[in-house]
PDB file of all heavy atoms in Angstrom:
ATOM      1  N   LEU A   1       0.797  -1.226   0.000  1.00  0.00           N
ATOM      2  CA  LEU A   1       0.000   0.000   0.000  1.00  0.00           C
ATOM      3  C   LEU A   1       0.831   1.279   0.000  1.00  0.00           C
ATOM      4  O   LEU A   1       0.393   2.304  -0.515  1.00  0.00           O
ATOM      5  CB  LEU A   1      -0.934   0.012   1.216  1.00  0.00           C
ATOM      6  CG  LEU A   1      -2.008  -1.065   1.244  1.00  0.00           C
ATOM      7  CD1 LEU A   1      -2.809  -0.979   2.538  1.00  0.00           C
ATOM      8  CD2 LEU A   1      -2.926  -0.941   0.046  1.00  0.00           C
ATOM      9  N   CYS A   2       2.025   1.242   0.587  1.00  0.00           N
ATOM     10  CA  CYS A   2       2.832   2.460   0.739  1.00  0.00           C
ATOM     11  C   CYS A   2       3.191   3.049  -0.627  1.00  0.00           C
ATOM     12  O   CYS A   2       3.664   2.344  -1.517  1.00  0.00           O
ATOM     13  CB  CYS A   2       4.104   2.157   1.523  1.00  0.00           C
ATOM     14  SG  CYS A   2       5.166   3.614   1.736  1.00  0.00           S
ATOM     15  N   GLN A   3       2.945   4.359  -0.753  1.00  0.00           N
ATOM     16  CA  GLN A   3       3.276   5.059  -1.997  1.00  0.00           C
ATOM     17  C   GLN A   3       4.384   6.099  -1.797  1.00  0.00           C
ATOM     18  O   GLN A   3       4.691   6.859  -2.702  1.00  0.00           O
ATOM     19  CB  GLN A   3       2.026   5.743  -2.559  1.00  0.00           C
ATOM     20  CG  GLN A   3       0.932   4.784  -2.957  1.00  0.00           C
ATOM     21  CD  GLN A   3       1.342   3.905  -4.117  1.00  0.00           C
ATOM     22  OE1 GLN A   3       1.792   4.390  -5.138  1.00  0.00           O
ATOM     23  NE2 GLN A   3       1.203   2.597  -3.952  1.00  0.00           N
ATOM     24  N   GLY A   4       4.944   6.161  -0.598  1.00  0.00           N
ATOM     25  CA  GLY A   4       6.059   7.071  -0.352  1.00  0.00           C
ATOM     26  C   GLY A   4       5.671   8.524  -0.191  1.00  0.00           C
ATOM     27  O   GLY A   4       6.414   9.411  -0.599  1.00  0.00           O
ATOM     28  N   HIS A   5       4.523   8.794   0.411  1.00  0.00           N
ATOM     29  CA  HIS A   5       4.094  10.178   0.620  1.00  0.00           C
ATOM     30  C   HIS A   5       4.939  10.906   1.664  1.00  0.00           C
ATOM     31  O   HIS A   5       4.900  12.132   1.730  1.00  0.00           O
ATOM     32  CB  HIS A   5       2.618  10.232   1.034  1.00  0.00           C
ATOM     33  CG  HIS A   5       1.681   9.827  -0.055  1.00  0.00           C
ATOM     34  ND1 HIS A   5       1.386  10.621  -1.139  1.00  0.00           N
ATOM     35  CD2 HIS A   5       0.975   8.683  -0.226  1.00  0.00           C
ATOM     36  CE1 HIS A   5       0.543   9.996  -1.929  1.00  0.00           C
ATOM     37  NE2 HIS A   5       0.274   8.815  -1.400  1.00  0.00           N
ATOM     38  N   THR A   6       5.644  10.171   2.516  1.00  0.00           N
ATOM     39  CA  THR A   6       6.578  10.664   3.551  1.00  0.00           C
ATOM     40  C   THR A   6       5.912  11.289   4.769  1.00  0.00           C
ATOM     41  O   THR A   6       6.605  11.762   5.663  1.00  0.00           O
ATOM     42  CB  THR A   6       7.646  11.651   3.006  1.00  0.00           C
ATOM     43  OG1 THR A   6       7.058  12.944   2.800  1.00  0.00           O
ATOM     44  CG2 THR A   6       8.295  11.150   1.732  1.00  0.00           C
ATOM     45  N   LEU A   7       4.592  11.300   4.834  1.00  0.00           N
ATOM     46  CA  LEU A   7       3.922  11.937   5.968  1.00  0.00           C
ATOM     47  C   LEU A   7       4.232  11.227   7.279  1.00  0.00           C
ATOM     48  O   LEU A   7       4.369  11.866   8.314  1.00  0.00           O
ATOM     49  CB  LEU A   7       2.411  11.989   5.731  1.00  0.00           C
ATOM     50  CG  LEU A   7       1.978  12.848   4.538  1.00  0.00           C
ATOM     51  CD1 LEU A   7       0.483  12.723   4.308  1.00  0.00           C
ATOM     52  CD2 LEU A   7       2.363  14.287   4.746  1.00  0.00           C
ATOM     53  N   CYS A   8       4.363   9.912   7.248  1.00  0.00           N
ATOM     54  CA  CYS A   8       4.660   9.182   8.482  1.00  0.00           C
ATOM     55  C   CYS A   8       6.032   9.558   9.027  1.00  0.00           C
ATOM     56  O   CYS A   8       6.189   9.759  10.233  1.00  0.00           O
ATOM     57  CB  CYS A   8       4.563   7.678   8.273  1.00  0.00           C
ATOM     58  SG  CYS A   8       5.698   7.005   7.044  1.00  0.00           S
ATOM     59  N   SER A   9       7.014   9.700   8.146  1.00  0.00           N
ATOM     60  CA  SER A   9       8.350  10.041   8.621  1.00  0.00           C
ATOM     61  C   SER A   9       8.431  11.488   9.094  1.00  0.00           C
ATOM     62  O   SER A   9       9.270  11.822   9.931  1.00  0.00           O
ATOM     63  CB  SER A   9       9.411   9.770   7.545  1.00  0.00           C
ATOM     64  OG  SER A   9       9.249  10.630   6.456  1.00  0.00           O
ATOM     65  N   MET A  10       7.551  12.342   8.603  1.00  0.00           N
ATOM     66  CA  MET A  10       7.495  13.714   9.111  1.00  0.00           C
ATOM     67  C   MET A  10       6.790  13.745  10.471  1.00  0.00           C
ATOM     68  O   MET A  10       7.166  14.520  11.344  1.00  0.00           O
ATOM     69  CB  MET A  10       6.775  14.626   8.121  1.00  0.00           C
ATOM     70  CG  MET A  10       7.595  14.922   6.880  1.00  0.00           C
ATOM     71  SD  MET A  10       6.848  16.189   5.842  1.00  0.00           S
ATOM     72  CE  MET A  10       5.699  15.193   4.903  1.00  0.00           C
ATOM     73  N   THR A  11       5.787  12.869  10.641  1.00  0.00           N
ATOM     74  CA  THR A  11       5.026  12.829  11.889  1.00  0.00           C
ATOM     75  C   THR A  11       5.793  12.121  12.999  1.00  0.00           C
ATOM     76  O   THR A  11       5.775  12.556  14.139  1.00  0.00           O
ATOM     77  CB  THR A  11       3.681  12.116  11.652  1.00  0.00           C
ATOM     78  OG1 THR A  11       2.972  12.829  10.640  1.00  0.00           O
ATOM     79  CG2 THR A  11       2.846  12.071  12.917  1.00  0.00           C
ATOM     80  N   ALA A  12       6.470  11.039  12.660  1.00  0.00           N
ATOM     81  CA  ALA A  12       7.192  10.233  13.649  1.00  0.00           C
ATOM     82  C   ALA A  12       8.559   9.832  13.099  1.00  0.00           C
ATOM     83  O   ALA A  12       8.804   8.671  12.769  1.00  0.00           O
ATOM     84  CB  ALA A  12       6.375   9.008  14.020  1.00  0.00           C
ATOM     85  N   PRO A  13       9.482  10.799  12.998  1.00  0.00           N
ATOM     86  CA  PRO A  13      10.773  10.530  12.357  1.00  0.00           C
ATOM     87  C   PRO A  13      11.651   9.518  13.091  1.00  0.00           C
ATOM     88  O   PRO A  13      12.528   8.908  12.471  1.00  0.00           O
ATOM     89  CB  PRO A  13      11.442  11.904  12.309  1.00  0.00           C
ATOM     90  CG  PRO A  13      10.757  12.710  13.358  1.00  0.00           C
ATOM     91  CD  PRO A  13       9.356  12.178  13.434  1.00  0.00           C
ATOM     92  N   ASP A  14      11.418   9.315  14.377  1.00  0.00           N
ATOM     93  CA  ASP A  14      12.195   8.316  15.113  1.00  0.00           C
ATOM     94  C   ASP A  14      11.716   6.898  14.831  1.00  0.00           C
ATOM     95  O   ASP A  14      12.451   5.944  15.057  1.00  0.00           O
ATOM     96  CB  ASP A  14      12.127   8.575  16.626  1.00  0.00           C
ATOM     97  CG  ASP A  14      12.803   9.880  17.016  1.00  0.00           C
ATOM     98  OD1 ASP A  14      13.679  10.349  16.263  1.00  0.00           O
ATOM     99  OD2 ASP A  14      12.442  10.422  18.070  1.00  0.00           O
ATOM    100  N   VAL A  15      10.485   6.770  14.341  1.00  0.00           N
ATOM    101  CA  VAL A  15       9.890   5.451  14.125  1.00  0.00           C
ATOM    102  C   VAL A  15       9.946   5.052  12.653  1.00  0.00           C
ATOM    103  O   VAL A  15      10.260   3.913  12.321  1.00  0.00           O
ATOM    104  CB  VAL A  15       8.431   5.426  14.635  1.00  0.00           C
ATOM    105  CG1 VAL A  15       7.773   4.080  14.350  1.00  0.00           C
ATOM    106  CG2 VAL A  15       8.386   5.751  16.121  1.00  0.00           C
ATOM    107  N   PHE A  16       9.638   5.984  11.757  1.00  0.00           N
ATOM    108  CA  PHE A  16       9.554   5.672  10.329  1.00  0.00           C
ATOM    109  C   PHE A  16      10.692   6.321   9.560  1.00  0.00           C
ATOM    110  O   PHE A  16      10.905   7.528   9.655  1.00  0.00           O
ATOM    111  CB  PHE A  16       8.208   6.152   9.754  1.00  0.00           C
ATOM    112  CG  PHE A  16       7.034   5.480  10.384  1.00  0.00           C
ATOM    113  CD1 PHE A  16       6.368   6.072  11.436  1.00  0.00           C
ATOM    114  CD2 PHE A  16       6.601   4.241   9.939  1.00  0.00           C
ATOM    115  CE1 PHE A  16       5.287   5.459  12.046  1.00  0.00           C
ATOM    116  CE2 PHE A  16       5.518   3.610  10.541  1.00  0.00           C
ATOM    117  CZ  PHE A  16       4.873   4.218  11.598  1.00  0.00           C
ATOM    118  N   HIS A  17      11.400   5.498   8.799  1.00  0.00           N
ATOM    119  CA  HIS A  17      12.430   5.993   7.900  1.00  0.00           C
ATOM    120  C   HIS A  17      12.005   5.657   6.474  1.00  0.00           C
ATOM    121  O   HIS A  17      11.106   4.858   6.261  1.00  0.00           O
ATOM    122  CB  HIS A  17      13.779   5.348   8.214  1.00  0.00           C
ATOM    123  CG  HIS A  17      14.343   5.771   9.536  1.00  0.00           C
ATOM    124  ND1 HIS A  17      15.556   5.344   9.982  1.00  0.00           N
ATOM    125  CD2 HIS A  17      13.866   6.578  10.517  1.00  0.00           C
ATOM    126  CE1 HIS A  17      15.820   5.872  11.163  1.00  0.00           C
ATOM    127  NE2 HIS A  17      14.786   6.617  11.518  1.00  0.00           N
ATOM    128  N   LEU A  18      12.676   6.281   5.512  1.00  0.00           N
ATOM    129  CA  LEU A  18      12.350   6.052   4.101  1.00  0.00           C
ATOM    130  C   LEU A  18      13.495   5.331   3.422  1.00  0.00           C
ATOM    131  O   LEU A  18      14.663   5.670   3.627  1.00  0.00           O
ATOM    132  CB  LEU A  18      12.075   7.382   3.401  1.00  0.00           C
ATOM    133  CG  LEU A  18      10.970   8.231   4.028  1.00  0.00           C
ATOM    134  CD1 LEU A  18      10.881   9.572   3.328  1.00  0.00           C
ATOM    135  CD2 LEU A  18       9.634   7.511   3.991  1.00  0.00           C
ATOM    136  N   ARG A  19      13.159   4.357   2.608  1.00  0.00           N
ATOM    137  CA  ARG A  19      14.196   3.615   1.877  1.00  0.00           C
ATOM    138  C   ARG A  19      14.785   4.489   0.774  1.00  0.00           C
ATOM    139  O   ARG A  19      14.068   5.248   0.112  1.00  0.00           O
ATOM    140  CB  ARG A  19      13.608   2.348   1.268  1.00  0.00           C
ATOM    141  CG  ARG A  19      13.259   1.295   2.307  1.00  0.00           C
ATOM    142  CD  ARG A  19      13.126  -0.086   1.681  1.00  0.00           C
ATOM    143  NE  ARG A  19      12.114  -0.103   0.641  1.00  0.00           N
ATOM    144  CZ  ARG A  19      10.893  -0.601   0.797  1.00  0.00           C
ATOM    145  NH1 ARG A  19      10.529  -1.133   1.944  1.00  0.00           N
ATOM    146  NH2 ARG A  19      10.041  -0.579  -0.195  1.00  0.00           N
ATOM    147  N   ASP A  20      16.074   4.351   0.576  1.00  0.00           N
ATOM    148  CA  ASP A  20      16.760   5.143  -0.448  1.00  0.00           C
ATOM    149  C   ASP A  20      16.329   4.747  -1.858  1.00  0.00           C
ATOM    150  O   ASP A  20      16.261   5.595  -2.737  1.00  0.00           O
ATOM    151  CB  ASP A  20      18.284   4.970  -0.331  1.00  0.00           C
ATOM    152  CG  ASP A  20      18.842   5.623   0.920  1.00  0.00           C
ATOM    153  OD1 ASP A  20      18.231   6.590   1.425  1.00  0.00           O
ATOM    154  OD2 ASP A  20      19.892   5.163   1.387  1.00  0.00           O
ATOM    155  N   ASP A  21      16.044   3.472  -2.077  1.00  0.00           N
ATOM    156  CA  ASP A  21      15.781   3.013  -3.445  1.00  0.00           C
ATOM    157  C   ASP A  21      14.431   3.459  -3.992  1.00  0.00           C
ATOM    158  O   ASP A  21      14.336   3.850  -5.151  1.00  0.00           O
ATOM    159  CB  ASP A  21      15.947   1.491  -3.554  1.00  0.00           C
ATOM    160  CG  ASP A  21      15.036   0.718  -2.614  1.00  0.00           C
ATOM    161  OD1 ASP A  21      14.534   1.315  -1.634  1.00  0.00           O
ATOM    162  OD2 ASP A  21      14.832  -0.482  -2.844  1.00  0.00           O
ATOM    163  N   ASP A  22      13.383   3.426  -3.165  1.00  0.00           N
ATOM    164  CA  ASP A  22      12.065   3.777  -3.697  1.00  0.00           C
ATOM    165  C   ASP A  22      11.324   4.823  -2.865  1.00  0.00           C
ATOM    166  O   ASP A  22      10.214   5.217  -3.219  1.00  0.00           O
ATOM    167  CB  ASP A  22      11.195   2.527  -3.868  1.00  0.00           C
ATOM    168  CG  ASP A  22      10.935   1.795  -2.550  1.00  0.00           C
ATOM    169  OD1 ASP A  22      11.295   2.324  -1.478  1.00  0.00           O
ATOM    170  OD2 ASP A  22      10.367   0.689  -2.606  1.00  0.00           O
ATOM    171  N   GLY A  23      11.906   5.254  -1.760  1.00  0.00           N
ATOM    172  CA  GLY A  23      11.267   6.276  -0.937  1.00  0.00           C
ATOM    173  C   GLY A  23      10.129   5.777  -0.071  1.00  0.00           C
ATOM    174  O   GLY A  23       9.465   6.563   0.592  1.00  0.00           O
ATOM    175  N   HIS A  24       9.901   4.475  -0.058  1.00  0.00           N
ATOM    176  CA  HIS A  24       8.821   3.922   0.749  1.00  0.00           C
ATOM    177  C   HIS A  24       9.254   3.817   2.203  1.00  0.00           C
ATOM    178  O   HIS A  24      10.438   3.684   2.509  1.00  0.00           O
ATOM    179  CB  HIS A  24       8.389   2.558   0.220  1.00  0.00           C
ATOM    180  CG  HIS A  24       7.652   2.656  -1.080  1.00  0.00           C
ATOM    181  ND1 HIS A  24       7.030   1.586  -1.648  1.00  0.00           N
ATOM    182  CD2 HIS A  24       7.429   3.706  -1.917  1.00  0.00           C
ATOM    183  CE1 HIS A  24       6.453   1.962  -2.778  1.00  0.00           C
ATOM    184  NE2 HIS A  24       6.695   3.238  -2.961  1.00  0.00           N
ATOM    185  N   ALA A  25       8.279   3.879   3.088  1.00  0.00           N
ATOM    186  CA  ALA A  25       8.549   3.885   4.518  1.00  0.00           C
ATOM    187  C   ALA A  25       8.781   2.489   5.064  1.00  0.00           C
ATOM    188  O   ALA A  25       8.274   1.503   4.530  1.00  0.00           O
ATOM    189  CB  ALA A  25       7.385   4.535   5.255  1.00  0.00           C
ATOM    190  N   TYR A  26       9.545   2.451   6.153  1.00  0.00           N
ATOM    191  CA  TYR A  26       9.692   1.229   6.934  1.00  0.00           C
ATOM    192  C   TYR A  26       9.830   1.619   8.399  1.00  0.00           C
ATOM    193  O   TYR A  26      10.171   2.762   8.712  1.00  0.00           O
ATOM    194  CB  TYR A  26      10.888   0.395   6.469  1.00  0.00           C
ATOM    195  CG  TYR A  26      12.233   1.046   6.678  1.00  0.00           C
ATOM    196  CD1 TYR A  26      12.976   0.797   7.838  1.00  0.00           C
ATOM    197  CD2 TYR A  26      12.775   1.911   5.734  1.00  0.00           C
ATOM    198  CE1 TYR A  26      14.214   1.397   8.029  1.00  0.00           C
ATOM    199  CE2 TYR A  26      14.000   2.505   5.916  1.00  0.00           C
ATOM    200  CZ  TYR A  26      14.718   2.243   7.069  1.00  0.00           C
ATOM    201  OH  TYR A  26      15.940   2.837   7.265  1.00  0.00           O
ATOM    202  N   VAL A  27       9.543   0.683   9.276  1.00  0.00           N
ATOM    203  CA  VAL A  27       9.653   0.922  10.710  1.00  0.00           C
ATOM    204  C   VAL A  27      11.104   0.709  11.107  1.00  0.00           C
ATOM    205  O   VAL A  27      11.685  -0.348  10.857  1.00  0.00           O
ATOM    206  CB  VAL A  27       8.710  -0.012  11.496  1.00  0.00           C
ATOM    207  CG1 VAL A  27       8.917   0.152  12.995  1.00  0.00           C
ATOM    208  CG2 VAL A  27       7.261   0.294  11.132  1.00  0.00           C
ATOM    209  N   ALA A  28      11.696   1.731  11.722  1.00  0.00           N
ATOM    210  CA  ALA A  28      13.120   1.723  12.030  1.00  0.00           C
ATOM    211  C   ALA A  28      13.419   1.372  13.484  1.00  0.00           C
ATOM    212  O   ALA A  28      14.535   1.568  13.938  1.00  0.00           O
ATOM    213  CB  ALA A  28      13.714   3.093  11.701  1.00  0.00           C
ATOM    214  N   VAL A  29      12.435   0.879  14.192  1.00  0.00           N
ATOM    215  CA  VAL A  29      12.648   0.486  15.581  1.00  0.00           C
ATOM    216  C   VAL A  29      12.363  -1.006  15.738  1.00  0.00           C
ATOM    217  O   VAL A  29      11.644  -1.598  14.928  1.00  0.00           O
ATOM    218  CB  VAL A  29      11.747   1.285  16.558  1.00  0.00           C
ATOM    219  CG1 VAL A  29      12.042   2.765  16.477  1.00  0.00           C
ATOM    220  CG2 VAL A  29      10.285   1.022  16.299  1.00  0.00           C
ATOM    221  N   THR A  30      12.929  -1.591  16.762  1.00  0.00           N
ATOM    222  CA  THR A  30      12.683  -3.003  17.030  1.00  0.00           C
ATOM    223  C   THR A  30      11.944  -3.205  18.344  1.00  0.00           C
ATOM    224  O   THR A  30      11.396  -4.268  18.588  1.00  0.00           O
ATOM    225  CB  THR A  30      14.009  -3.792  17.073  1.00  0.00           C
ATOM    226  OG1 THR A  30      14.865  -3.192  18.037  1.00  0.00           O
ATOM    227  CG2 THR A  30      14.675  -3.789  15.711  1.00  0.00           C
ATOM    228  N   GLU A  31      11.915  -2.180  19.193  1.00  0.00           N
ATOM    229  CA  GLU A  31      11.205  -2.271  20.468  1.00  0.00           C
ATOM    230  C   GLU A  31       9.955  -1.408  20.407  1.00  0.00           C
ATOM    231  O   GLU A  31      10.036  -0.199  20.212  1.00  0.00           O
ATOM    232  CB  GLU A  31      12.107  -1.800  21.604  1.00  0.00           C
ATOM    233  CG  GLU A  31      11.508  -2.053  22.967  1.00  0.00           C
ATOM    234  CD  GLU A  31      12.450  -1.689  24.098  1.00  0.00           C
ATOM    235  OE1 GLU A  31      13.648  -1.501  23.851  1.00  0.00           O
ATOM    236  OE2 GLU A  31      11.964  -1.576  25.226  1.00  0.00           O
ATOM    237  N   PHE A  32       8.809  -2.058  20.559  1.00  0.00           N
ATOM    238  CA  PHE A  32       7.533  -1.361  20.422  1.00  0.00           C
ATOM    239  C   PHE A  32       7.019  -0.896  21.789  1.00  0.00           C
ATOM    240  O   PHE A  32       6.138  -1.498  22.379  1.00  0.00           O
ATOM    241  CB  PHE A  32       6.525  -2.237  19.671  1.00  0.00           C
ATOM    242  CG  PHE A  32       6.973  -2.529  18.271  1.00  0.00           C
ATOM    243  CD1 PHE A  32       7.498  -3.759  17.934  1.00  0.00           C
ATOM    244  CD2 PHE A  32       6.918  -1.547  17.304  1.00  0.00           C
ATOM    245  CE1 PHE A  32       7.937  -4.011  16.641  1.00  0.00           C
ATOM    246  CE2 PHE A  32       7.346  -1.781  16.007  1.00  0.00           C
ATOM    247  CZ  PHE A  32       7.865  -3.017  15.682  1.00  0.00           C
ATOM    248  N   THR A  33       7.612   0.178  22.264  1.00  0.00           N
ATOM    249  CA  THR A  33       7.232   0.773  23.537  1.00  0.00           C
ATOM    250  C   THR A  33       5.882   1.474  23.382  1.00  0.00           C
ATOM    251  O   THR A  33       5.432   1.715  22.250  1.00  0.00           O
ATOM    252  CB  THR A  33       8.283   1.809  23.970  1.00  0.00           C
ATOM    253  OG1 THR A  33       8.280   2.867  23.004  1.00  0.00           O
ATOM    254  CG2 THR A  33       9.677   1.202  24.086  1.00  0.00           C
ATOM    255  N   PRO A  34       5.240   1.843  24.492  1.00  0.00           N
ATOM    256  CA  PRO A  34       3.984   2.602  24.376  1.00  0.00           C
ATOM    257  C   PRO A  34       4.156   3.890  23.574  1.00  0.00           C
ATOM    258  O   PRO A  34       3.254   4.272  22.826  1.00  0.00           O
ATOM    259  CB  PRO A  34       3.620   2.901  25.835  1.00  0.00           C
ATOM    260  CG  PRO A  34       4.236   1.773  26.606  1.00  0.00           C
ATOM    261  CD  PRO A  34       5.524   1.463  25.883  1.00  0.00           C
ATOM    262  N   GLU A  35       5.317   4.526  23.677  1.00  0.00           N
ATOM    263  CA  GLU A  35       5.575   5.759  22.915  1.00  0.00           C
ATOM    264  C   GLU A  35       5.635   5.470  21.417  1.00  0.00           C
ATOM    265  O   GLU A  35       5.131   6.249  20.607  1.00  0.00           O
ATOM    266  CB  GLU A  35       6.878   6.417  23.381  1.00  0.00           C
ATOM    267  CG  GLU A  35       6.835   6.935  24.800  1.00  0.00           C
ATOM    268  CD  GLU A  35       7.038   5.864  25.881  1.00  0.00           C
ATOM    269  OE1 GLU A  35       7.475   4.726  25.560  1.00  0.00           O
ATOM    270  OE2 GLU A  35       6.739   6.157  27.051  1.00  0.00           O
ATOM    271  N   VAL A  36       6.255   4.367  21.053  1.00  0.00           N
ATOM    272  CA  VAL A  36       6.346   3.985  19.638  1.00  0.00           C
ATOM    273  C   VAL A  36       4.956   3.646  19.094  1.00  0.00           C
ATOM    274  O   VAL A  36       4.601   4.052  17.980  1.00  0.00           O
ATOM    275  CB  VAL A  36       7.322   2.806  19.443  1.00  0.00           C
ATOM    276  CG1 VAL A  36       7.211   2.213  18.051  1.00  0.00           C
ATOM    277  CG2 VAL A  36       8.754   3.254  19.724  1.00  0.00           C
ATOM    278  N   ILE A  37       4.167   2.929  19.889  1.00  0.00           N
ATOM    279  CA  ILE A  37       2.807   2.586  19.458  1.00  0.00           C
ATOM    280  C   ILE A  37       1.988   3.856  19.246  1.00  0.00           C
ATOM    281  O   ILE A  37       1.277   3.994  18.243  1.00  0.00           O
ATOM    282  CB  ILE A  37       2.129   1.647  20.478  1.00  0.00           C
ATOM    283  CG1 ILE A  37       2.868   0.303  20.555  1.00  0.00           C
ATOM    284  CG2 ILE A  37       0.659   1.452  20.150  1.00  0.00           C
ATOM    285  CD1 ILE A  37       2.893  -0.502  19.268  1.00  0.00           C
ATOM    286  N   GLU A  38       2.094   4.797  20.174  1.00  0.00           N
ATOM    287  CA  GLU A  38       1.348   6.059  20.040  1.00  0.00           C
ATOM    288  C   GLU A  38       1.819   6.832  18.801  1.00  0.00           C
ATOM    289  O   GLU A  38       1.010   7.380  18.053  1.00  0.00           O
ATOM    290  CB  GLU A  38       1.505   6.912  21.296  1.00  0.00           C
ATOM    291  CG  GLU A  38       0.745   8.209  21.248  1.00  0.00           C
ATOM    292  CD  GLU A  38      -0.737   8.071  20.940  1.00  0.00           C
ATOM    293  OE1 GLU A  38      -1.365   7.082  21.367  1.00  0.00           O
ATOM    294  OE2 GLU A  38      -1.287   8.960  20.252  1.00  0.00           O
ATOM    295  N   ALA A  39       3.127   6.885  18.584  1.00  0.00           N
ATOM    296  CA  ALA A  39       3.654   7.550  17.384  1.00  0.00           C
ATOM    297  C   ALA A  39       3.159   6.849  16.128  1.00  0.00           C
ATOM    298  O   ALA A  39       2.840   7.501  15.126  1.00  0.00           O
ATOM    299  CB  ALA A  39       5.185   7.570  17.428  1.00  0.00           C
ATOM    300  N   GLY A  40       3.078   5.530  16.165  1.00  0.00           N
ATOM    301  CA  GLY A  40       2.552   4.772  15.035  1.00  0.00           C
ATOM    302  C   GLY A  40       1.103   5.115  14.754  1.00  0.00           C
ATOM    303  O   GLY A  40       0.705   5.260  13.599  1.00  0.00           O
ATOM    304  N   ARG A  41       0.324   5.269  15.812  1.00  0.00           N
ATOM    305  CA  ARG A  41      -1.087   5.649  15.630  1.00  0.00           C
ATOM    306  C   ARG A  41      -1.215   7.045  15.032  1.00  0.00           C
ATOM    307  O   ARG A  41      -2.046   7.277  14.150  1.00  0.00           O
ATOM    308  CB  ARG A  41      -1.830   5.577  16.964  1.00  0.00           C
ATOM    309  CG  ARG A  41      -2.110   4.174  17.409  1.00  0.00           C
ATOM    310  CD  ARG A  41      -3.072   4.136  18.583  1.00  0.00           C
ATOM    311  NE  ARG A  41      -3.340   2.757  18.944  1.00  0.00           N
ATOM    312  CZ  ARG A  41      -2.923   2.190  20.069  1.00  0.00           C
ATOM    313  NH1 ARG A  41      -2.254   2.874  20.962  1.00  0.00           N
ATOM    314  NH2 ARG A  41      -3.204   0.930  20.312  1.00  0.00           N
ATOM    315  N   ARG A  42      -0.396   7.977  15.533  1.00  0.00           N
ATOM    316  CA  ARG A  42      -0.420   9.340  14.972  1.00  0.00           C
ATOM    317  C   ARG A  42      -0.051   9.312  13.497  1.00  0.00           C
ATOM    318  O   ARG A  42      -0.692   9.949  12.666  1.00  0.00           O
ATOM    319  CB  ARG A  42       0.549  10.256  15.730  1.00  0.00           C
ATOM    320  CG  ARG A  42       0.029  10.739  17.062  1.00  0.00           C
ATOM    321  CD  ARG A  42       0.830  11.921  17.602  1.00  0.00           C
ATOM    322  NE  ARG A  42       2.269  11.752  17.531  1.00  0.00           N
ATOM    323  CZ  ARG A  42       3.009  11.137  18.463  1.00  0.00           C
ATOM    324  NH1 ARG A  42       2.433  10.640  19.550  1.00  0.00           N
ATOM    325  NH2 ARG A  42       4.311  11.030  18.318  1.00  0.00           N
ATOM    326  N   ALA A  43       1.002   8.590  13.166  1.00  0.00           N
ATOM    327  CA  ALA A  43       1.440   8.512  11.771  1.00  0.00           C
ATOM    328  C   ALA A  43       0.392   7.825  10.905  1.00  0.00           C
ATOM    329  O   ALA A  43       0.150   8.243   9.768  1.00  0.00           O
ATOM    330  CB  ALA A  43       2.773   7.784  11.683  1.00  0.00           C
ATOM    331  N   ALA A  44      -0.237   6.781  11.433  1.00  0.00           N
ATOM    332  CA  ALA A  44      -1.266   6.070  10.670  1.00  0.00           C
ATOM    333  C   ALA A  44      -2.405   7.013  10.292  1.00  0.00           C
ATOM    334  O   ALA A  44      -2.965   6.909   9.194  1.00  0.00           O
ATOM    335  CB  ALA A  44      -1.797   4.882  11.465  1.00  0.00           C
ATOM    336  N   SER A  45      -2.711   7.942  11.172  1.00  0.00           N
ATOM    337  CA  SER A  45      -3.809   8.876  10.887  1.00  0.00           C
ATOM    338  C   SER A  45      -3.455   9.856   9.779  1.00  0.00           C
ATOM    339  O   SER A  45      -4.340  10.481   9.204  1.00  0.00           O
ATOM    340  CB  SER A  45      -4.209   9.627  12.155  1.00  0.00           C
ATOM    341  OG  SER A  45      -3.234  10.580  12.512  1.00  0.00           O
ATOM    342  N   THR A  46      -2.170   9.986   9.438  1.00  0.00           N
ATOM    343  CA  THR A  46      -1.751  10.906   8.375  1.00  0.00           C
ATOM    344  C   THR A  46      -1.584  10.218   7.027  1.00  0.00           C
ATOM    345  O   THR A  46      -1.440  10.883   6.010  1.00  0.00           O
ATOM    346  CB  THR A  46      -0.408  11.596   8.711  1.00  0.00           C
ATOM    347  OG1 THR A  46       0.659  10.640   8.611  1.00  0.00           O
ATOM    348  CG2 THR A  46      -0.430  12.233  10.081  1.00  0.00           C
TER     349      THR A  46
END
C-alpha cells in the first residue's frame, strides 16, 4: 500500500524511515514501547 508520501516520517521521524531506493517507509525500531505505538497511531492517521 505504501506510496512514499513521507507523511509518516514527518510525523514520527524516530519510528519511520524512508528507503533510499524507492522512498517507501519502513519501521526503524525493534522495540515497540507505548511511545512507539502512540507515534505509530499518529502517523497512521496521516
